Amino acid sequence: MLALDKVPSVQPPALSQEQRSAATAKAIANRQRRAQVKEQLRSGELTWHALLELARVDEVVAGLRVSDALLSLPGVGPSRLDRLMKQARVAATRRLRGLGDNQISVLTGLLIR
């Protein structure tokens, strides 16, 4: 067993100012994209099925939390979200990219009702 004082600390790589700025700009663009997708869900412009297809090809959308996506759908509030997540056995921190086939089919079936 290793003593805690002998475990090497892992430092993130040192980034130049340009790299840091680029990472910040990318993070902002990703947040804006996810906000845009949630707004499209709210307005009905984007459906649950279309969202799942989009998540297969768009890595930024795939990083959207399932709970955030479901809450953006019309007719889904906190209590219905809780029921959906429990019935589909989806963790609160799960992202769209991490949904399994069974979870997708359960959620889709429950949303159709």
PDB file of N, CA and C in Angstrom:
ATOM      1  N   MET A   1       0.837  -1.177   0.000  1.00  0.00           N
ATOM      2  CA  MET A   1       0.000   0.000   0.000  1.00  0.00           C
ATOM      3  C   MET A   1       0.885   1.245   0.000  1.00  0.00           C
ATOM      4  N   LEU A   2       0.551   2.216  -0.803  1.00  0.00           N
ATOM      5  CA  LEU A   2       1.351   3.429  -0.928  1.00  0.00           C
ATOM      6  C   LEU A   2       0.981   4.433   0.150  1.00  0.00           C
ATOM      7  N   ALA A   3       1.975   5.077   0.663  1.00  0.00           N
ATOM      8  CA  ALA A   3       1.715   6.176   1.593  1.00  0.00           C
ATOM      9  C   ALA A   3       1.303   7.396   0.784  1.00  0.00           C
ATOM     10  N   LEU A   4       0.421   8.199   1.355  1.00  0.00           N
ATOM     11  CA  LEU A   4      -0.080   9.363   0.629  1.00  0.00           C
ATOM     12  C   LEU A   4       1.012  10.347   0.266  1.00  0.00           C
ATOM     13  N   ASP A   5       2.038  10.455   1.100  1.00  0.00           N
ATOM     14  CA  ASP A   5       3.092  11.421   0.796  1.00  0.00           C
ATOM     15  C   ASP A   5       4.006  10.949  -0.337  1.00  0.00           C
ATOM     16  N   LYS A   6       3.903   9.680  -0.754  1.00  0.00           N
ATOM     17  CA  LYS A   6       4.753   9.167  -1.826  1.00  0.00           C
ATOM     18  C   LYS A   6       4.042   9.121  -3.173  1.00  0.00           C
ATOM     19  N   VAL A   7       2.764   9.462  -3.196  1.00  0.00           N
ATOM     20  CA  VAL A   7       2.027   9.478  -4.452  1.00  0.00           C
ATOM     21  C   VAL A   7       2.374  10.764  -5.197  1.00  0.00           C
ATOM     22  N   PRO A   8       2.852  10.624  -6.435  1.00  0.00           N
ATOM     23  CA  PRO A   8       3.224  11.845  -7.175  1.00  0.00           C
ATOM     24  C   PRO A   8       1.974  12.656  -7.510  1.00  0.00           C
ATOM     25  N   SER A   9       2.107  13.958  -7.398  1.00  0.00           N
ATOM     26  CA  SER A   9       0.984  14.828  -7.750  1.00  0.00           C
ATOM     27  C   SER A   9       0.979  15.026  -9.263  1.00  0.00           C
ATOM     28  N   VAL A  10      -0.215  15.082  -9.806  1.00  0.00           N
ATOM     29  CA  VAL A  10      -0.353  15.263 -11.245  1.00  0.00           C
ATOM     30  C   VAL A  10      -0.789  16.694 -11.493  1.00  0.00           C
ATOM     31  N   GLN A  11       0.026  17.406 -12.221  1.00  0.00           N
ATOM     32  CA  GLN A  11      -0.256  18.804 -12.536  1.00  0.00           C
ATOM     33  C   GLN A  11      -0.788  18.886 -13.957  1.00  0.00           C
ATOM     34  N   PRO A  12      -1.759  19.751 -14.192  1.00  0.00           N
ATOM     35  CA  PRO A  12      -2.212  19.942 -15.573  1.00  0.00           C
ATOM     36  C   PRO A  12      -1.088  20.557 -16.391  1.00  0.00           C
ATOM     37  N   PRO A  13      -1.112  20.326 -17.683  1.00  0.00           N
ATOM     38  CA  PRO A  13      -0.032  20.883 -18.509  1.00  0.00           C
ATOM     39  C   PRO A  13      -0.058  22.411 -18.492  1.00  0.00           C
ATOM     40  N   ALA A  14       1.114  22.971 -18.568  1.00  0.00           N
ATOM     41  CA  ALA A  14       1.206  24.438 -18.625  1.00  0.00           C
ATOM     42  C   ALA A  14       0.763  24.896 -20.005  1.00  0.00           C
ATOM     43  N   LEU A  15      -0.156  25.842 -20.035  1.00  0.00           N
ATOM     44  CA  LEU A  15      -0.679  26.336 -21.298  1.00  0.00           C
ATOM     45  C   LEU A  15      -0.216  27.764 -21.537  1.00  0.00           C
ATOM     46  N   SER A  16       0.010  28.048 -22.798  1.00  0.00           N
ATOM     47  CA  SER A  16       0.364  29.427 -23.145  1.00  0.00           C
ATOM     48  C   SER A  16      -0.904  30.274 -23.074  1.00  0.00           C
ATOM     49  N   GLN A  17      -0.748  31.564 -23.126  1.00  0.00           N
ATOM     50  CA  GLN A  17      -1.903  32.466 -23.086  1.00  0.00           C
ATOM     51  C   GLN A  17      -2.814  32.238 -24.284  1.00  0.00           C
ATOM     52  N   GLU A  18      -2.213  31.967 -25.456  1.00  0.00           N
ATOM     53  CA  GLU A  18      -3.014  31.712 -26.663  1.00  0.00           C
ATOM     54  C   GLU A  18      -3.828  30.428 -26.506  1.00  0.00           C
ATOM     55  N   GLN A  19      -3.205  29.390 -25.947  1.00  0.00           N
ATOM     56  CA  GLN A  19      -3.913  28.123 -25.747  1.00  0.00           C
ATOM     57  C   GLN A  19      -5.052  28.293 -24.737  1.00  0.00           C
ATOM     58  N   ARG A  20      -4.789  29.050 -23.711  1.00  0.00           N
ATOM     59  CA  ARG A  20      -5.812  29.310 -22.692  1.00  0.00           C
ATOM     60  C   ARG A  20      -6.986  30.088 -23.295  1.00  0.00           C
ATOM     61  N   SER A  21      -6.673  31.085 -24.103  1.00  0.00           N
ATOM     62  CA  SER A  21      -7.717  31.878 -24.763  1.00  0.00           C
ATOM     63  C   SER A  21      -8.534  31.023 -25.725  1.00  0.00           C
ATOM     64  N   ALA A  22      -7.863  30.154 -26.460  1.00  0.00           N
ATOM     65  CA  ALA A  22      -8.551  29.274 -27.404  1.00  0.00           C
ATOM     66  C   ALA A  22      -9.473  28.309 -26.653  1.00  0.00           C
ATOM     67  N   ALA A  23      -9.005  27.772 -25.535  1.00  0.00           N
ATOM     68  CA  ALA A  23      -9.825  26.859 -24.744  1.00  0.00           C
ATOM     69  C   ALA A  23     -11.042  27.579 -24.169  1.00  0.00           C
ATOM     70  N   THR A  24     -10.852  28.801 -23.728  1.00  0.00           N
ATOM     71  CA  THR A  24     -11.965  29.595 -23.200  1.00  0.00           C
ATOM     72  C   THR A  24     -12.998  29.870 -24.284  1.00  0.00           C
ATOM     73  N   ALA A  25     -12.529  30.248 -25.463  1.00  0.00           N
ATOM     74  CA  ALA A  25     -13.445  30.522 -26.579  1.00  0.00           C
ATOM     75  C   ALA A  25     -14.215  29.268 -26.972  1.00  0.00           C
ATOM     76  N   LYS A  26     -13.540  28.123 -26.982  1.00  0.00           N
ATOM     77  CA  LYS A  26     -14.196  26.859 -27.317  1.00  0.00           C
ATOM     78  C   LYS A  26     -15.250  26.504 -26.278  1.00  0.00           C
ATOM     79  N   ALA A  27     -14.942  26.690 -25.000  1.00  0.00           N
ATOM     80  CA  ALA A  27     -15.895  26.400 -23.936  1.00  0.00           C
ATOM     81  C   ALA A  27     -17.131  27.291 -24.036  1.00  0.00           C
ATOM     82  N   ILE A  28     -16.925  28.557 -24.332  1.00  0.00           N
ATOM     83  CA  ILE A  28     -18.053  29.491 -24.490  1.00  0.00           C
ATOM     84  C   ILE A  28     -18.925  29.071 -25.671  1.00  0.00           C
ATOM     85  N   ALA A  29     -18.292  28.722 -26.788  1.00  0.00           N
ATOM     86  CA  ALA A  29     -19.038  28.294 -27.974  1.00  0.00           C
ATOM     87  C   ALA A  29     -19.833  27.021 -27.683  1.00  0.00           C
ATOM     88  N   ASN A  30     -19.246  26.091 -26.932  1.00  0.00           N
ATOM     89  CA  ASN A  30     -19.939  24.854 -26.584  1.00  0.00           C
ATOM     90  C   ASN A  30     -21.151  25.125 -25.701  1.00  0.00           C
ATOM     91  N   ARG A  31     -21.004  26.005 -24.714  1.00  0.00           N
ATOM     92  CA  ARG A  31     -22.137  26.348 -23.840  1.00  0.00           C
ATOM     93  C   ARG A  31     -23.252  27.014 -24.636  1.00  0.00           C
ATOM     94  N   GLN A  32     -22.880  27.891 -25.558  1.00  0.00           N
ATOM     95  CA  GLN A  32     -23.878  28.568 -26.391  1.00  0.00           C
ATOM     96  C   GLN A  32     -24.610  27.567 -27.286  1.00  0.00           C
ATOM     97  N   ARG A  33     -23.883  26.597 -27.817  1.00  0.00           N
ATOM     98  CA  ARG A  33     -24.498  25.579 -28.674  1.00  0.00           C
ATOM     99  C   ARG A  33     -25.500  24.747 -27.879  1.00  0.00           C
ATOM    100  N   ARG A  34     -25.106  24.321 -26.666  1.00  0.00           N
ATOM    101  CA  ARG A  34     -26.031  23.533 -25.837  1.00  0.00           C
ATOM    102  C   ARG A  34     -27.249  24.357 -25.444  1.00  0.00           C
ATOM    103  N   ALA A  35     -27.069  25.640 -25.155  1.00  0.00           N
ATOM    104  CA  ALA A  35     -28.201  26.522 -24.835  1.00  0.00           C
ATOM    105  C   ALA A  35     -29.123  26.660 -26.042  1.00  0.00           C
ATOM    106  N   GLN A  36     -28.555  26.751 -27.226  1.00  0.00           N
ATOM    107  CA  GLN A  36     -29.342  26.852 -28.458  1.00  0.00           C
ATOM    108  C   GLN A  36     -30.184  25.584 -28.649  1.00  0.00           C
ATOM    109  N   VAL A  37     -29.590  24.428 -28.415  1.00  0.00           N
ATOM    110  CA  VAL A  37     -30.316  23.161 -28.561  1.00  0.00           C
ATOM    111  C   VAL A  37     -31.451  23.079 -27.547  1.00  0.00           C
ATOM    112  N   LYS A  38     -31.204  23.501 -26.314  1.00  0.00           N
ATOM    113  CA  LYS A  38     -32.269  23.469 -25.300  1.00  0.00           C
ATOM    114  C   LYS A  38     -33.403  24.415 -25.679  1.00  0.00           C
ATOM    115  N   GLU A  39     -33.085  25.556 -26.243  1.00  0.00           N
ATOM    116  CA  GLU A  39     -34.124  26.489 -26.689  1.00  0.00           C
ATOM    117  C   GLU A  39     -34.928  25.887 -27.841  1.00  0.00           C
ATOM    118  N   GLN A  40     -34.262  25.179 -28.743  1.00  0.00           N
ATOM    119  CA  GLN A  40     -34.964  24.512 -29.839  1.00  0.00           C
ATOM    120  C   GLN A  40     -35.898  23.424 -29.311  1.00  0.00           C
ATOM    121  N   LEU A  41     -35.486  22.739 -28.259  1.00  0.00           N
ATOM    122  CA  LEU A  41     -36.359  21.743 -27.634  1.00  0.00           C
ATOM    123  C   LEU A  41     -37.581  22.420 -27.019  1.00  0.00           C
ATOM    124  N   ARG A  42     -37.360  23.527 -26.307  1.00  0.00           N
ATOM    125  CA  ARG A  42     -38.461  24.256 -25.663  1.00  0.00           C
ATOM    126  C   ARG A  42     -39.494  24.729 -26.681  1.00  0.00           C
ATOM    127  N   SER A  43     -39.013  25.204 -27.815  1.00  0.00           N
ATOM    128  CA  SER A  43     -39.912  25.765 -28.826  1.00  0.00           C
ATOM    129  C   SER A  43     -40.583  24.688 -29.669  1.00  0.00           C
ATOM    130  N   GLY A  44     -40.132  23.455 -29.560  1.00  0.00           N
ATOM    131  CA  GLY A  44     -40.694  22.382 -30.365  1.00  0.00           C
ATOM    132  C   GLY A  44     -40.048  22.255 -31.730  1.00  0.00           C
ATOM    133  N   GLU A  45     -39.064  23.096 -31.993  1.00  0.00           N
ATOM    134  CA  GLU A  45     -38.341  23.047 -33.263  1.00  0.00           C
ATOM    135  C   GLU A  45     -37.520  21.764 -33.381  1.00  0.00           C
ATOM    136  N   LEU A  46     -37.116  21.216 -32.236  1.00  0.00           N
ATOM    137  CA  LEU A  46     -36.311  20.001 -32.177  1.00  0.00           C
ATOM    138  C   LEU A  46     -37.057  18.988 -31.314  1.00  0.00           C
ATOM    139  N   THR A  47     -37.195  17.762 -31.809  1.00  0.00           N
ATOM    140  CA  THR A  47     -37.886  16.711 -31.057  1.00  0.00           C
ATOM    141  C   THR A  47     -36.875  15.842 -30.322  1.00  0.00           C
ATOM    142  N   TRP A  48     -37.382  14.981 -29.439  1.00  0.00           N
ATOM    143  CA  TRP A  48     -36.534  14.043 -28.699  1.00  0.00           C
ATOM    144  C   TRP A  48     -35.772  13.152 -29.682  1.00  0.00           C
ATOM    145  N   HIS A  49     -36.470  12.628 -30.697  1.00  0.00           N
ATOM    146  CA  HIS A  49     -35.828  11.751 -31.677  1.00  0.00           C
ATOM    147  C   HIS A  49     -34.738  12.500 -32.440  1.00  0.00           C
ATOM    148  N   ALA A  50     -35.039  13.717 -32.855  1.00  0.00           N
ATOM    149  CA  ALA A  50     -34.058  14.511 -33.594  1.00  0.00           C
ATOM    150  C   ALA A  50     -32.856  14.843 -32.704  1.00  0.00           C
ATOM    151  N   LEU A  51     -33.105  15.072 -31.427  1.00  0.00           N
ATOM    152  CA  LEU A  51     -32.013  15.353 -30.491  1.00  0.00           C
ATOM    153  C   LEU A  51     -31.071  14.158 -30.389  1.00  0.00           C
ATOM    154  N   LEU A  52     -31.638  12.971 -30.280  1.00  0.00           N
ATOM    155  CA  LEU A  52     -30.809  11.767 -30.182  1.00  0.00           C
ATOM    156  C   LEU A  52     -29.970  11.561 -31.442  1.00  0.00           C
ATOM    157  N   GLU A  53     -30.562  11.824 -32.602  1.00  0.00           N
ATOM    158  CA  GLU A  53     -29.813  11.717 -33.861  1.00  0.00           C
ATOM    159  C   GLU A  53     -28.705  12.770 -33.921  1.00  0.00           C
ATOM    160  N   LEU A  54     -29.023  13.974 -33.486  1.00  0.00           N
ATOM    161  CA  LEU A  54     -28.029  15.050 -33.480  1.00  0.00           C
ATOM    162  C   LEU A  54     -26.873  14.726 -32.541  1.00  0.00           C
ATOM    163  N   ALA A  55     -27.178  14.102 -31.413  1.00  0.00           N
ATOM    164  CA  ALA A  55     -26.142  13.753 -30.441  1.00  0.00           C
ATOM    165  C   ALA A  55     -25.179  12.710 -30.994  1.00  0.00           C
ATOM    166  N   ARG A  56     -25.620  11.929 -31.968  1.00  0.00           N
ATOM    167  CA  ARG A  56     -24.735  10.922 -32.571  1.00  0.00           C
ATOM    168  C   ARG A  56     -23.654  11.562 -33.444  1.00  0.00           C
ATOM    169  N   VAL A  57     -23.951  12.731 -34.003  1.00  0.00           N
ATOM    170  CA  VAL A  57     -23.003  13.352 -34.934  1.00  0.00           C
ATOM    171  C   VAL A  57     -22.357  14.623 -34.385  1.00  0.00           C
ATOM    172  N   ASP A  58     -22.921  15.200 -33.346  1.00  0.00           N
ATOM    173  CA  ASP A  58     -22.413  16.452 -32.782  1.00  0.00           C
ATOM    174  C   ASP A  58     -21.927  16.191 -31.358  1.00  0.00           C
ATOM    175  N   GLU A  59     -20.627  16.223 -31.180  1.00  0.00           N
ATOM    176  CA  GLU A  59     -20.027  15.911 -29.877  1.00  0.00           C
ATOM    177  C   GLU A  59     -20.445  16.906 -28.796  1.00  0.00           C
ATOM    178  N   VAL A  60     -20.670  18.148 -29.168  1.00  0.00           N
ATOM    179  CA  VAL A  60     -21.090  19.164 -28.194  1.00  0.00           C
ATOM    180  C   VAL A  60     -22.485  18.832 -27.665  1.00  0.00           C
ATOM    181  N   VAL A  61     -23.382  18.463 -28.556  1.00  0.00           N
ATOM    182  CA  VAL A  61     -24.740  18.093 -28.156  1.00  0.00           C
ATOM    183  C   VAL A  61     -24.706  16.795 -27.352  1.00  0.00           C
ATOM    184  N   ALA A  62     -23.824  15.882 -27.706  1.00  0.00           N
ATOM    185  CA  ALA A  62     -23.698  14.622 -26.978  1.00  0.00           C
ATOM    186  C   ALA A  62     -23.290  14.855 -25.525  1.00  0.00           C
ATOM    187  N   GLY A  63     -22.666  15.989 -25.242  1.00  0.00           N
ATOM    188  CA  GLY A  63     -22.244  16.321 -23.887  1.00  0.00           C
ATOM    189  C   GLY A  63     -23.338  16.948 -23.039  1.00  0.00           C
ATOM    190  N   LEU A  64     -24.525  17.131 -23.596  1.00  0.00           N
ATOM    191  CA  LEU A  64     -25.653  17.710 -22.863  1.00  0.00           C
ATOM    192  C   LEU A  64     -26.184  16.698 -21.858  1.00  0.00           C
ATOM    193  N   ARG A  65     -26.437  17.146 -20.639  1.00  0.00           N
ATOM    194  CA  ARG A  65     -26.995  16.251 -19.630  1.00  0.00           C
ATOM    195  C   ARG A  65     -28.412  15.843 -20.016  1.00  0.00           C
ATOM    196  N   VAL A  66     -28.720  14.571 -19.795  1.00  0.00           N
ATOM    197  CA  VAL A  66     -30.046  14.048 -20.115  1.00  0.00           C
ATOM    198  C   VAL A  66     -31.117  14.827 -19.357  1.00  0.00           C
ATOM    199  N   SER A  67     -30.857  15.116 -18.088  1.00  0.00           N
ATOM    200  CA  SER A  67     -31.850  15.830 -17.280  1.00  0.00           C
ATOM    201  C   SER A  67     -32.116  17.231 -17.840  1.00  0.00           C
ATOM    202  N   ASP A  68     -31.083  17.920 -18.305  1.00  0.00           N
ATOM    203  CA  ASP A  68     -31.274  19.252 -18.897  1.00  0.00           C
ATOM    204  C   ASP A  68     -32.083  19.165 -20.184  1.00  0.00           C
ATOM    205  N   ALA A  69     -31.800  18.138 -21.001  1.00  0.00           N
ATOM    206  CA  ALA A  69     -32.534  17.966 -22.250  1.00  0.00           C
ATOM    207  C   ALA A  69     -34.003  17.668 -21.975  1.00  0.00           C
ATOM    208  N   LEU A  70     -34.265  16.766 -21.027  1.00  0.00           N
ATOM    209  CA  LEU A  70     -35.653  16.403 -20.723  1.00  0.00           C
ATOM    210  C   LEU A  70     -36.416  17.586 -20.141  1.00  0.00           C
ATOM    211  N   LEU A  71     -35.779  18.349 -19.271  1.00  0.00           N
ATOM    212  CA  LEU A  71     -36.451  19.520 -18.687  1.00  0.00           C
ATOM    213  C   LEU A  71     -36.775  20.577 -19.740  1.00  0.00           C
ATOM    214  N   SER A  72     -36.053  20.559 -20.834  1.00  0.00           N
ATOM    215  CA  SER A  72     -36.294  21.530 -21.901  1.00  0.00           C
ATOM    216  C   SER A  72     -37.483  21.138 -22.771  1.00  0.00           C
ATOM    217  N   LEU A  73     -37.926  19.892 -22.663  1.00  0.00           N
ATOM    218  CA  LEU A  73     -39.068  19.448 -23.459  1.00  0.00           C
ATOM    219  C   LEU A  73     -40.358  19.998 -22.872  1.00  0.00           C
ATOM    220  N   PRO A  74     -41.288  20.424 -23.726  1.00  0.00           N
ATOM    221  CA  PRO A  74     -42.583  20.890 -23.226  1.00  0.00           C
ATOM    222  C   PRO A  74     -43.302  19.756 -22.488  1.00  0.00           C
ATOM    223  N   GLY A  75     -43.872  20.083 -21.335  1.00  0.00           N
ATOM    224  CA  GLY A  75     -44.618  19.096 -20.566  1.00  0.00           C
ATOM    225  C   GLY A  75     -43.788  18.301 -19.577  1.00  0.00           C
ATOM    226  N   VAL A  76     -42.497  18.574 -19.514  1.00  0.00           N
ATOM    227  CA  VAL A  76     -41.640  17.869 -18.562  1.00  0.00           C
ATOM    228  C   VAL A  76     -41.157  18.876 -17.524  1.00  0.00           C
ATOM    229  N   GLY A  77     -41.598  18.665 -16.298  1.00  0.00           N
ATOM    230  CA  GLY A  77     -41.161  19.490 -15.177  1.00  0.00           C
ATOM    231  C   GLY A  77     -40.324  18.650 -14.231  1.00  0.00           C
ATOM    232  N   PRO A  78     -39.984  19.198 -13.091  1.00  0.00           N
ATOM    233  CA  PRO A  78     -39.124  18.482 -12.145  1.00  0.00           C
ATOM    234  C   PRO A  78     -39.687  17.138 -11.671  1.00  0.00           C
ATOM    235  N   SER A  79     -40.984  17.071 -11.387  1.00  0.00           N
ATOM    236  CA  SER A  79     -41.535  15.806 -10.883  1.00  0.00           C
ATOM    237  C   SER A  79     -41.602  14.752 -11.987  1.00  0.00           C
ATOM    238  N   ARG A  80     -41.991  15.148 -13.181  1.00  0.00           N
ATOM    239  CA  ARG A  80     -42.021  14.189 -14.286  1.00  0.00           C
ATOM    240  C   ARG A  80     -40.600  13.773 -14.655  1.00  0.00           C
ATOM    241  N   LEU A  81     -39.671  14.704 -14.594  1.00  0.00           N
ATOM    242  CA  LEU A  81     -38.272  14.381 -14.862  1.00  0.00           C
ATOM    243  C   LEU A  81     -37.792  13.307 -13.902  1.00  0.00           C
ATOM    244  N   ASP A  82     -38.107  13.464 -12.631  1.00  0.00           N
ATOM    245  CA  ASP A  82     -37.688  12.493 -11.622  1.00  0.00           C
ATOM    246  C   ASP A  82     -38.242  11.107 -11.944  1.00  0.00           C
ATOM    247  N   ARG A  83     -39.518  11.049 -12.308  1.00  0.00           N
ATOM    248  CA  ARG A  83     -40.145   9.765 -12.658  1.00  0.00           C
ATOM    249  C   ARG A  83     -39.487   9.152 -13.885  1.00  0.00           C
ATOM    250  N   LEU A  84     -39.258   9.965 -14.913  1.00  0.00           N
ATOM    251  CA  LEU A  84     -38.639   9.467 -16.142  1.00  0.00           C
ATOM    252  C   LEU A  84     -37.244   8.895 -15.871  1.00  0.00           C
ATOM    253  N   MET A  85     -36.462   9.647 -15.133  1.00  0.00           N
ATOM    254  CA  MET A  85     -35.086   9.221 -14.849  1.00  0.00           C
ATOM    255  C   MET A  85     -35.064   7.928 -14.035  1.00  0.00           C
ATOM    256  N   LYS A  86     -35.970   7.810 -13.068  1.00  0.00           N
ATOM    257  CA  LYS A  86     -36.019   6.593 -12.250  1.00  0.00           C
ATOM    258  C   LYS A  86     -36.494   5.398 -13.052  1.00  0.00           C
ATOM    259  N   GLN A  87     -37.540   5.584 -13.850  1.00  0.00           N
ATOM    260  CA  GLN A  87     -38.075   4.469 -14.621  1.00  0.00           C
ATOM    261  C   GLN A  87     -37.088   3.985 -15.684  1.00  0.00           C
ATOM    262  N   ALA A  88     -36.321   4.892 -16.247  1.00  0.00           N
ATOM    263  CA  ALA A  88     -35.337   4.519 -17.265  1.00  0.00           C
ATOM    264  C   ALA A  88     -33.994   4.148 -16.650  1.00  0.00           C
ATOM    265  N   ARG A  89     -33.891   4.299 -15.336  1.00  0.00           N
ATOM    266  CA  ARG A  89     -32.640   4.009 -14.614  1.00  0.00           C
ATOM    267  C   ARG A  89     -31.466   4.806 -15.179  1.00  0.00           C
ATOM    268  N   VAL A  90     -31.690   6.113 -15.253  1.00  0.00           N
ATOM    269  CA  VAL A  90     -30.668   7.031 -15.754  1.00  0.00           C
ATOM    270  C   VAL A  90     -30.170   7.857 -14.574  1.00  0.00           C
ATOM    271  N   ALA A  91     -28.870   7.896 -14.381  1.00  0.00           N
ATOM    272  CA  ALA A  91     -28.275   8.686 -13.307  1.00  0.00           C
ATOM    273  C   ALA A  91     -28.444  10.169 -13.605  1.00  0.00           C
ATOM    274  N   ALA A  92     -28.519  10.966 -12.579  1.00  0.00           N
ATOM    275  CA  ALA A  92     -28.723  12.411 -12.720  1.00  0.00           C
ATOM    276  C   ALA A  92     -27.587  13.085 -13.489  1.00  0.00           C
ATOM    277  N   THR A  93     -26.420  12.501 -13.457  1.00  0.00           N
ATOM    278  CA  THR A  93     -25.256  13.114 -14.116  1.00  0.00           C
ATOM    279  C   THR A  93     -25.014  12.568 -15.520  1.00  0.00           C
ATOM    280  N   ARG A  94     -25.860  11.662 -15.993  1.00  0.00           N
ATOM    281  CA  ARG A  94     -25.659  11.028 -17.301  1.00  0.00           C
ATOM    282  C   ARG A  94     -25.801  12.042 -18.425  1.00  0.00           C
ATOM    283  N   ARG A  95     -24.961  11.914 -19.414  1.00  0.00           N
ATOM    284  CA  ARG A  95     -25.017  12.773 -20.595  1.00  0.00           C
ATOM    285  C   ARG A  95     -25.596  11.976 -21.761  1.00  0.00           C
ATOM    286  N   LEU A  96     -26.061  12.669 -22.787  1.00  0.00           N
ATOM    287  CA  LEU A  96     -26.706  11.992 -23.913  1.00  0.00           C
ATOM    288  C   LEU A  96     -25.813  10.913 -24.515  1.00  0.00           C
ATOM    289  N   ARG A  97     -24.509  11.187 -24.600  1.00  0.00           N
ATOM    290  CA  ARG A  97     -23.600  10.209 -25.197  1.00  0.00           C
ATOM    291  C   ARG A  97     -23.518   8.926 -24.384  1.00  0.00           C
ATOM    292  N   GLY A  98     -23.891   8.989 -23.107  1.00  0.00           N
ATOM    293  CA  GLY A  98     -23.775   7.829 -22.240  1.00  0.00           C
ATOM    294  C   GLY A  98     -25.041   7.006 -22.109  1.00  0.00           C
ATOM    295  N   LEU A  99     -26.100   7.393 -22.798  1.00  0.00           N
ATOM    296  CA  LEU A  99     -27.340   6.624 -22.721  1.00  0.00           C
ATOM    297  C   LEU A  99     -27.196   5.307 -23.468  1.00  0.00           C
ATOM    298  N   GLY A 100     -27.677   4.242 -22.833  1.00  0.00           N
ATOM    299  CA  GLY A 100     -27.680   2.941 -23.485  1.00  0.00           C
ATOM    300  C   GLY A 100     -28.936   2.760 -24.316  1.00  0.00           C
ATOM    301  N   ASP A 101     -28.939   1.734 -25.148  1.00  0.00           N
ATOM    302  CA  ASP A 101     -30.087   1.470 -26.018  1.00  0.00           C
ATOM    303  C   ASP A 101     -31.363   1.239 -25.214  1.00  0.00           C
ATOM    304  N   ASN A 102     -31.268   0.488 -24.116  1.00  0.00           N
ATOM    305  CA  ASN A 102     -32.450   0.236 -23.290  1.00  0.00           C
ATOM    306  C   ASN A 102     -32.968   1.528 -22.659  1.00  0.00           C
ATOM    307  N   GLN A 103     -32.069   2.369 -22.176  1.00  0.00           N
ATOM    308  CA  GLN A 103     -32.475   3.636 -21.565  1.00  0.00           C
ATOM    309  C   GLN A 103     -33.154   4.531 -22.602  1.00  0.00           C
ATOM    310  N   ILE A 104     -32.619   4.560 -23.805  1.00  0.00           N
ATOM    311  CA  ILE A 104     -33.215   5.372 -24.869  1.00  0.00           C
ATOM    312  C   ILE A 104     -34.615   4.871 -25.193  1.00  0.00           C
ATOM    313  N   SER A 105     -34.775   3.553 -25.312  1.00  0.00           N
ATOM    314  CA  SER A 105     -36.092   3.029 -25.675  1.00  0.00           C
ATOM    315  C   SER A 105     -37.106   3.250 -24.554  1.00  0.00           C
ATOM    316  N   VAL A 106     -36.682   3.122 -23.296  1.00  0.00           N
ATOM    317  CA  VAL A 106     -37.604   3.377 -22.165  1.00  0.00           C
ATOM    318  C   VAL A 106     -37.998   4.850 -22.152  1.00  0.00           C
ATOM    319  N   LEU A 107     -37.029   5.743 -22.257  1.00  0.00           N
ATOM    320  CA  LEU A 107     -37.345   7.177 -22.253  1.00  0.00           C
ATOM    321  C   LEU A 107     -38.254   7.554 -23.424  1.00  0.00           C
ATOM    322  N   THR A 108     -37.965   7.038 -24.588  1.00  0.00           N
ATOM    323  CA  THR A 108     -38.776   7.342 -25.761  1.00  0.00           C
ATOM    324  C   THR A 108     -40.206   6.849 -25.556  1.00  0.00           C
ATOM    325  N   GLY A 109     -40.337   5.641 -25.037  1.00  0.00           N
ATOM    326  CA  GLY A 109     -41.669   5.106 -24.772  1.00  0.00           C
ATOM    327  C   GLY A 109     -42.438   5.919 -23.759  1.00  0.00           C
ATOM    328  N   LEU A 110     -41.755   6.371 -22.713  1.00  0.00           N
ATOM    329  CA  LEU A 110     -42.406   7.167 -21.678  1.00  0.00           C
ATOM    330  C   LEU A 110     -42.781   8.568 -22.176  1.00  0.00           C
ATOM    331  N   LEU A 111     -41.971   9.121 -23.057  1.00  0.00           N
ATOM    332  CA  LEU A 111     -42.244  10.458 -23.584  1.00  0.00           C
ATOM    333  C   LEU A 111     -43.411  10.465 -24.577  1.00  0.00           C
ATOM    334  N   ILE A 112     -43.640   9.332 -25.221  1.00  0.00           N
ATOM    335  CA  ILE A 112     -44.727   9.241 -26.197  1.00  0.00           C
ATOM    336  C   ILE A 112     -46.079   9.282 -25.489  1.00  0.00           C
ATOM    337  N   ARG A 113     -46.144   8.743 -24.283  1.00  0.00           N
ATOM    338  CA  ARG A 113     -47.406   8.680 -23.544  1.00  0.00           C
ATOM    339  C   ARG A 113     -47.985  10.032 -23.287  1.00  0.00           C
TER     340      ARG A 113
END
